[in-house]
């Protein structure tokens, strides 16, 4: 099984448990690794047979900007399910970072794996 990746996808989101986090969107950074069979696309050289990473990125951006989850864990779970259900992925490894969450840290966040990822 192959892996398609998107690194550093920056998306504004209204997320957080603190009142200050609910006032305006903050930037989230998503790193996504998607398990997907690429052999057919490689042979055909056609986007129809591939997992369109631009479509994945746009769908995630549309989804994330419309949500108002409190926990980054909830958002990560919803994004992973979206990728699995809408794009036919076999598995997904997703890292969601909040770079502005703590003043003395580069970022905080969560990493999850769903579906068949370790093969």
N, C-alpha and C. Protein backbone atom coordinates (compact mmCIF):
# COMPACT_ATOMS: atom_id res chain seq x y z
N UNK A 1 0.85 -1.18 0.00
CA UNK A 1 0.00 0.00 0.00
C UNK A 1 0.89 1.24 0.00
N UNK A 2 0.44 2.25 -0.68
CA UNK A 2 1.22 3.46 -0.86
C UNK A 2 0.69 4.58 0.04
N UNK A 3 1.44 5.65 0.11
CA UNK A 3 1.06 6.78 0.97
C UNK A 3 1.14 8.08 0.19
N UNK A 4 0.05 8.80 0.19
CA UNK A 4 0.01 10.16 -0.33
C UNK A 4 0.09 11.09 0.88
N UNK A 5 0.84 12.18 0.77
CA UNK A 5 0.94 13.07 1.92
C UNK A 5 0.70 14.52 1.56
N UNK A 6 0.20 15.24 2.53
CA UNK A 6 0.04 16.70 2.47
C UNK A 6 0.65 17.22 3.77
N UNK A 7 1.64 18.09 3.67
CA UNK A 7 2.30 18.61 4.85
C UNK A 7 2.08 20.11 4.98
N UNK A 8 1.84 20.54 6.19
CA UNK A 8 1.77 21.97 6.48
C UNK A 8 0.56 22.68 5.91
N UNK A 9 -0.56 21.98 5.80
CA UNK A 9 -1.78 22.59 5.30
C UNK A 9 -2.33 23.54 6.36
N UNK A 10 -2.30 24.83 6.07
CA UNK A 10 -2.70 25.86 7.03
C UNK A 10 -4.16 26.23 6.79
N UNK A 11 -4.98 26.09 7.86
CA UNK A 11 -6.41 26.34 7.74
C UNK A 11 -6.87 27.14 8.96
N UNK A 12 -7.60 28.23 8.77
CA UNK A 12 -8.16 28.96 9.92
C UNK A 12 -9.35 28.20 10.50
N UNK A 13 -9.42 28.19 11.84
CA UNK A 13 -10.52 27.48 12.49
C UNK A 13 -10.87 28.14 13.81
N UNK A 14 -12.14 28.12 14.13
CA UNK A 14 -12.60 28.55 15.45
C UNK A 14 -12.60 27.31 16.32
N UNK A 15 -11.61 27.20 17.20
CA UNK A 15 -11.45 25.99 18.01
C UNK A 15 -10.76 26.36 19.32
N UNK A 16 -11.14 25.67 20.38
CA UNK A 16 -10.48 25.88 21.66
C UNK A 16 -11.47 25.92 22.80
N UNK A 17 -10.97 25.65 23.99
CA UNK A 17 -11.82 25.61 25.18
C UNK A 17 -11.85 26.93 25.93
N UNK A 18 -10.86 27.77 25.71
CA UNK A 18 -10.78 29.04 26.42
C UNK A 18 -11.56 30.13 25.69
N UNK A 19 -12.11 31.04 26.44
CA UNK A 19 -12.93 32.12 25.87
C UNK A 19 -12.14 32.91 24.82
N UNK A 20 -10.86 33.15 25.07
CA UNK A 20 -10.05 33.92 24.12
C UNK A 20 -9.92 33.19 22.78
N UNK A 21 -10.01 31.86 22.80
CA UNK A 21 -9.90 31.08 21.57
C UNK A 21 -11.20 31.09 20.75
N UNK A 22 -12.28 31.50 21.38
CA UNK A 22 -13.57 31.49 20.71
C UNK A 22 -13.90 32.85 20.07
N UNK A 23 -13.01 33.82 20.21
CA UNK A 23 -13.26 35.16 19.69
C UNK A 23 -12.98 35.28 18.19
N UNK A 24 -11.97 34.58 17.71
CA UNK A 24 -11.60 34.68 16.30
C UNK A 24 -10.91 33.37 15.88
N UNK A 25 -10.97 33.06 14.60
CA UNK A 25 -10.29 31.85 14.13
C UNK A 25 -8.78 31.93 14.38
N UNK A 26 -8.19 30.79 14.61
CA UNK A 26 -6.74 30.68 14.70
C UNK A 26 -6.28 29.67 13.65
N UNK A 27 -5.04 29.78 13.26
CA UNK A 27 -4.52 28.91 12.22
C UNK A 27 -4.18 27.54 12.79
N UNK A 28 -4.69 26.51 12.14
CA UNK A 28 -4.29 25.14 12.43
C UNK A 28 -3.39 24.68 11.30
N UNK A 29 -2.49 23.75 11.61
CA UNK A 29 -1.62 23.17 10.59
C UNK A 29 -1.87 21.66 10.58
N UNK A 30 -2.24 21.15 9.41
CA UNK A 30 -2.52 19.73 9.26
C UNK A 30 -1.43 19.07 8.44
N UNK A 31 -0.94 17.95 8.94
CA UNK A 31 -0.06 17.06 8.19
C UNK A 31 -0.83 15.76 8.02
N UNK A 32 -1.02 15.36 6.77
CA UNK A 32 -1.88 14.23 6.45
C UNK A 32 -1.10 13.20 5.66
N UNK A 33 -1.22 11.95 6.08
CA UNK A 33 -0.66 10.82 5.33
C UNK A 33 -1.81 9.87 5.07
N UNK A 34 -2.05 9.58 3.79
CA UNK A 34 -3.20 8.79 3.38
C UNK A 34 -2.74 7.52 2.69
N UNK A 35 -3.21 6.37 3.19
CA UNK A 35 -2.90 5.08 2.57
C UNK A 35 -3.85 4.89 1.38
N UNK A 36 -3.25 4.71 0.21
CA UNK A 36 -4.03 4.63 -1.01
C UNK A 36 -3.22 3.89 -2.06
N UNK A 37 -3.85 3.04 -2.82
CA UNK A 37 -3.16 2.30 -3.88
C UNK A 37 -2.91 3.21 -5.07
N UNK A 38 -1.65 3.45 -5.40
CA UNK A 38 -1.31 4.37 -6.49
C UNK A 38 -0.91 3.67 -7.79
N UNK A 39 -0.84 2.36 -7.77
CA UNK A 39 -0.34 1.61 -8.93
C UNK A 39 -1.16 1.85 -10.19
N UNK A 40 -2.49 1.85 -10.08
CA UNK A 40 -3.34 2.07 -11.26
C UNK A 40 -3.09 3.46 -11.85
N UNK A 41 -3.02 4.46 -10.98
CA UNK A 41 -2.75 5.83 -11.45
C UNK A 41 -1.37 5.92 -12.10
N UNK A 42 -0.41 5.24 -11.54
CA UNK A 42 0.94 5.26 -12.11
C UNK A 42 0.96 4.66 -13.51
N UNK A 43 0.18 3.61 -13.71
CA UNK A 43 0.13 2.97 -15.03
C UNK A 43 -0.66 3.79 -16.04
N UNK A 44 -1.74 4.40 -15.60
CA UNK A 44 -2.59 5.16 -16.53
C UNK A 44 -2.12 6.59 -16.73
N UNK A 45 -1.40 7.12 -15.76
CA UNK A 45 -0.96 8.52 -15.77
C UNK A 45 -2.15 9.46 -15.87
N UNK A 46 -3.26 9.07 -15.18
CA UNK A 46 -4.50 9.84 -15.24
C UNK A 46 -4.97 10.20 -13.84
N UNK A 47 -5.36 11.45 -13.68
CA UNK A 47 -5.87 11.91 -12.39
C UNK A 47 -7.14 11.16 -11.97
N UNK A 48 -7.88 10.67 -12.92
CA UNK A 48 -9.10 9.91 -12.61
C UNK A 48 -8.78 8.70 -11.74
N UNK A 49 -7.62 8.11 -11.93
CA UNK A 49 -7.22 6.92 -11.18
C UNK A 49 -6.42 7.24 -9.92
N UNK A 50 -6.17 8.51 -9.69
CA UNK A 50 -5.34 8.92 -8.56
C UNK A 50 -6.19 9.49 -7.43
N UNK A 51 -5.57 9.64 -6.29
CA UNK A 51 -6.17 10.38 -5.18
C UNK A 51 -5.74 11.84 -5.37
N UNK A 52 -6.68 12.69 -5.67
CA UNK A 52 -6.41 14.09 -5.99
C UNK A 52 -6.11 14.86 -4.70
N UNK A 53 -4.83 15.10 -4.44
CA UNK A 53 -4.45 15.77 -3.19
C UNK A 53 -4.98 17.18 -3.11
N UNK A 54 -5.16 17.85 -4.25
CA UNK A 54 -5.75 19.18 -4.23
C UNK A 54 -7.21 19.12 -3.77
N UNK A 55 -7.93 18.11 -4.23
CA UNK A 55 -9.33 17.92 -3.81
C UNK A 55 -9.40 17.60 -2.31
N UNK A 56 -8.48 16.77 -1.82
CA UNK A 56 -8.44 16.45 -0.39
C UNK A 56 -8.17 17.71 0.43
N UNK A 57 -7.18 18.48 0.02
CA UNK A 57 -6.83 19.71 0.75
C UNK A 57 -7.98 20.70 0.75
N UNK A 58 -8.63 20.86 -0.38
CA UNK A 58 -9.75 21.80 -0.45
C UNK A 58 -10.93 21.34 0.40
N UNK A 59 -11.21 20.05 0.37
CA UNK A 59 -12.31 19.51 1.18
C UNK A 59 -12.03 19.68 2.65
N UNK A 60 -10.80 19.42 3.08
CA UNK A 60 -10.43 19.62 4.48
C UNK A 60 -10.56 21.08 4.87
N UNK A 61 -10.08 21.98 4.01
CA UNK A 61 -10.17 23.42 4.30
C UNK A 61 -11.62 23.86 4.42
N UNK A 62 -12.46 23.42 3.49
CA UNK A 62 -13.89 23.77 3.55
C UNK A 62 -14.52 23.26 4.84
N UNK A 63 -14.21 22.02 5.19
CA UNK A 63 -14.79 21.41 6.39
C UNK A 63 -14.32 22.10 7.66
N UNK A 64 -13.01 22.27 7.80
CA UNK A 64 -12.44 22.83 9.03
C UNK A 64 -12.91 24.26 9.27
N UNK A 65 -12.97 25.06 8.22
CA UNK A 65 -13.38 26.46 8.41
C UNK A 65 -14.85 26.59 8.80
N UNK A 66 -15.65 25.55 8.55
CA UNK A 66 -17.07 25.60 8.90
C UNK A 66 -17.38 25.00 10.27
N UNK A 67 -16.39 24.38 10.91
CA UNK A 67 -16.64 23.74 12.20
C UNK A 67 -16.35 24.71 13.34
N UNK A 68 -16.88 24.36 14.50
CA UNK A 68 -16.61 25.14 15.72
C UNK A 68 -16.39 24.19 16.89
N UNK A 69 -15.60 23.14 16.65
CA UNK A 69 -15.30 22.19 17.71
C UNK A 69 -14.54 22.86 18.83
N UNK A 70 -14.70 22.34 20.02
CA UNK A 70 -13.95 22.83 21.17
C UNK A 70 -12.59 22.14 21.23
N UNK A 71 -12.57 20.83 21.03
CA UNK A 71 -11.33 20.06 21.17
C UNK A 71 -10.70 19.75 19.83
N UNK A 72 -9.39 19.84 19.77
CA UNK A 72 -8.64 19.48 18.57
C UNK A 72 -8.78 17.97 18.31
N UNK A 73 -8.97 17.19 19.36
CA UNK A 73 -9.17 15.75 19.21
C UNK A 73 -10.44 15.46 18.40
N UNK A 74 -11.49 16.21 18.68
CA UNK A 74 -12.76 16.02 17.96
C UNK A 74 -12.60 16.39 16.49
N UNK A 75 -11.92 17.49 16.24
CA UNK A 75 -11.68 17.92 14.87
C UNK A 75 -10.85 16.89 14.12
N UNK A 76 -9.80 16.39 14.74
CA UNK A 76 -8.93 15.39 14.09
C UNK A 76 -9.73 14.14 13.73
N UNK A 77 -10.55 13.69 14.65
CA UNK A 77 -11.38 12.50 14.40
C UNK A 77 -12.32 12.72 13.23
N UNK A 78 -12.96 13.88 13.18
CA UNK A 78 -13.89 14.19 12.10
C UNK A 78 -13.16 14.29 10.76
N UNK A 79 -11.99 14.87 10.74
CA UNK A 79 -11.22 14.99 9.50
C UNK A 79 -10.77 13.61 9.00
N UNK A 80 -10.33 12.76 9.91
CA UNK A 80 -9.91 11.41 9.53
C UNK A 80 -11.08 10.63 8.93
N UNK A 81 -12.24 10.73 9.56
CA UNK A 81 -13.43 10.05 9.04
C UNK A 81 -13.81 10.58 7.66
N UNK A 82 -13.71 11.88 7.48
CA UNK A 82 -14.01 12.49 6.19
C UNK A 82 -13.11 11.91 5.10
N UNK A 83 -11.83 11.82 5.37
CA UNK A 83 -10.88 11.29 4.38
C UNK A 83 -11.18 9.83 4.07
N UNK A 84 -11.43 9.05 5.10
CA UNK A 84 -11.72 7.63 4.89
C UNK A 84 -13.01 7.43 4.11
N UNK A 85 -14.04 8.17 4.45
CA UNK A 85 -15.36 7.98 3.85
C UNK A 85 -15.52 8.62 2.48
N UNK A 86 -14.92 9.76 2.26
CA UNK A 86 -15.16 10.48 1.01
C UNK A 86 -14.12 10.22 -0.07
N UNK A 87 -12.95 9.75 0.31
CA UNK A 87 -11.88 9.58 -0.68
C UNK A 87 -11.42 8.14 -0.85
N UNK A 88 -12.08 7.22 -0.21
CA UNK A 88 -11.76 5.82 -0.40
C UNK A 88 -10.39 5.42 0.10
N UNK A 89 -9.88 6.14 1.07
CA UNK A 89 -8.56 5.82 1.63
C UNK A 89 -8.65 4.55 2.47
N UNK A 90 -7.54 3.83 2.50
CA UNK A 90 -7.46 2.62 3.32
C UNK A 90 -7.10 2.96 4.77
N UNK A 91 -6.41 4.06 4.94
CA UNK A 91 -6.01 4.50 6.27
C UNK A 91 -5.55 5.94 6.22
N UNK A 92 -5.49 6.54 7.39
CA UNK A 92 -5.05 7.94 7.45
C UNK A 92 -4.28 8.17 8.76
N UNK A 93 -3.18 8.89 8.64
CA UNK A 93 -2.43 9.38 9.80
C UNK A 93 -2.54 10.90 9.71
N UNK A 94 -3.07 11.50 10.76
CA UNK A 94 -3.35 12.93 10.74
C UNK A 94 -2.75 13.60 11.97
N UNK A 95 -2.01 14.66 11.72
CA UNK A 95 -1.46 15.49 12.80
C UNK A 95 -2.10 16.87 12.67
N UNK A 96 -2.74 17.31 13.74
CA UNK A 96 -3.34 18.63 13.78
C UNK A 96 -2.59 19.44 14.83
N UNK A 97 -1.97 20.54 14.40
CA UNK A 97 -1.19 21.38 15.30
C UNK A 97 -1.85 22.74 15.46
N UNK A 98 -1.77 23.27 16.69
CA UNK A 98 -2.22 24.63 16.99
C UNK A 98 -0.98 25.44 17.35
N UNK A 99 -0.40 26.15 16.38
CA UNK A 99 0.84 26.88 16.64
C UNK A 99 0.69 28.06 17.59
N UNK A 100 -0.50 28.58 17.75
CA UNK A 100 -0.70 29.77 18.58
C UNK A 100 -1.27 29.45 19.96
N UNK A 101 -1.36 28.18 20.32
CA UNK A 101 -2.05 27.79 21.55
C UNK A 101 -1.30 28.17 22.82
N UNK A 102 0.01 27.98 22.83
CA UNK A 102 0.82 28.29 24.02
C UNK A 102 1.93 29.26 23.64
N UNK A 103 2.11 30.31 24.39
CA UNK A 103 3.13 31.30 24.03
C UNK A 103 4.56 30.77 24.11
N UNK A 104 4.80 29.74 24.91
CA UNK A 104 6.16 29.24 25.08
C UNK A 104 6.40 27.91 24.36
N UNK A 105 5.53 27.58 23.39
CA UNK A 105 5.69 26.34 22.62
C UNK A 105 5.51 26.64 21.14
N UNK A 106 6.22 25.90 20.32
CA UNK A 106 6.08 26.05 18.87
C UNK A 106 4.67 25.65 18.43
N UNK A 107 4.17 24.58 19.01
CA UNK A 107 2.82 24.11 18.67
C UNK A 107 2.39 23.05 19.67
N UNK A 108 1.10 22.86 19.76
CA UNK A 108 0.50 21.74 20.49
C UNK A 108 -0.49 21.09 19.54
N UNK A 109 -0.91 19.89 19.85
CA UNK A 109 -1.89 19.26 18.98
C UNK A 109 -2.04 17.79 19.26
N UNK A 110 -2.51 17.08 18.25
CA UNK A 110 -2.78 15.66 18.38
C UNK A 110 -2.45 14.96 17.07
N UNK A 111 -2.01 13.70 17.18
CA UNK A 111 -1.79 12.84 16.02
C UNK A 111 -2.63 11.60 16.20
N UNK A 112 -3.35 11.23 15.13
CA UNK A 112 -4.16 10.01 15.19
C UNK A 112 -3.95 9.18 13.94
N UNK A 113 -4.22 7.90 14.05
CA UNK A 113 -4.23 6.98 12.92
C UNK A 113 -5.55 6.26 12.92
N UNK A 114 -6.18 6.20 11.76
CA UNK A 114 -7.45 5.48 11.61
C UNK A 114 -7.37 4.63 10.36
N UNK A 115 -8.12 3.54 10.35
CA UNK A 115 -8.09 2.62 9.23
C UNK A 115 -6.83 1.79 9.27
N UNK A 116 -6.46 1.22 8.13
CA UNK A 116 -5.27 0.38 8.02
C UNK A 116 -4.10 1.24 7.62
N UNK A 117 -3.25 1.58 8.58
CA UNK A 117 -2.12 2.43 8.25
C UNK A 117 -0.77 1.75 8.39
N UNK A 118 -0.64 0.79 9.25
CA UNK A 118 0.67 0.24 9.55
C UNK A 118 1.15 -0.87 8.63
N UNK A 119 0.47 -1.12 7.53
CA UNK A 119 0.85 -2.25 6.67
C UNK A 119 2.07 -1.96 5.85
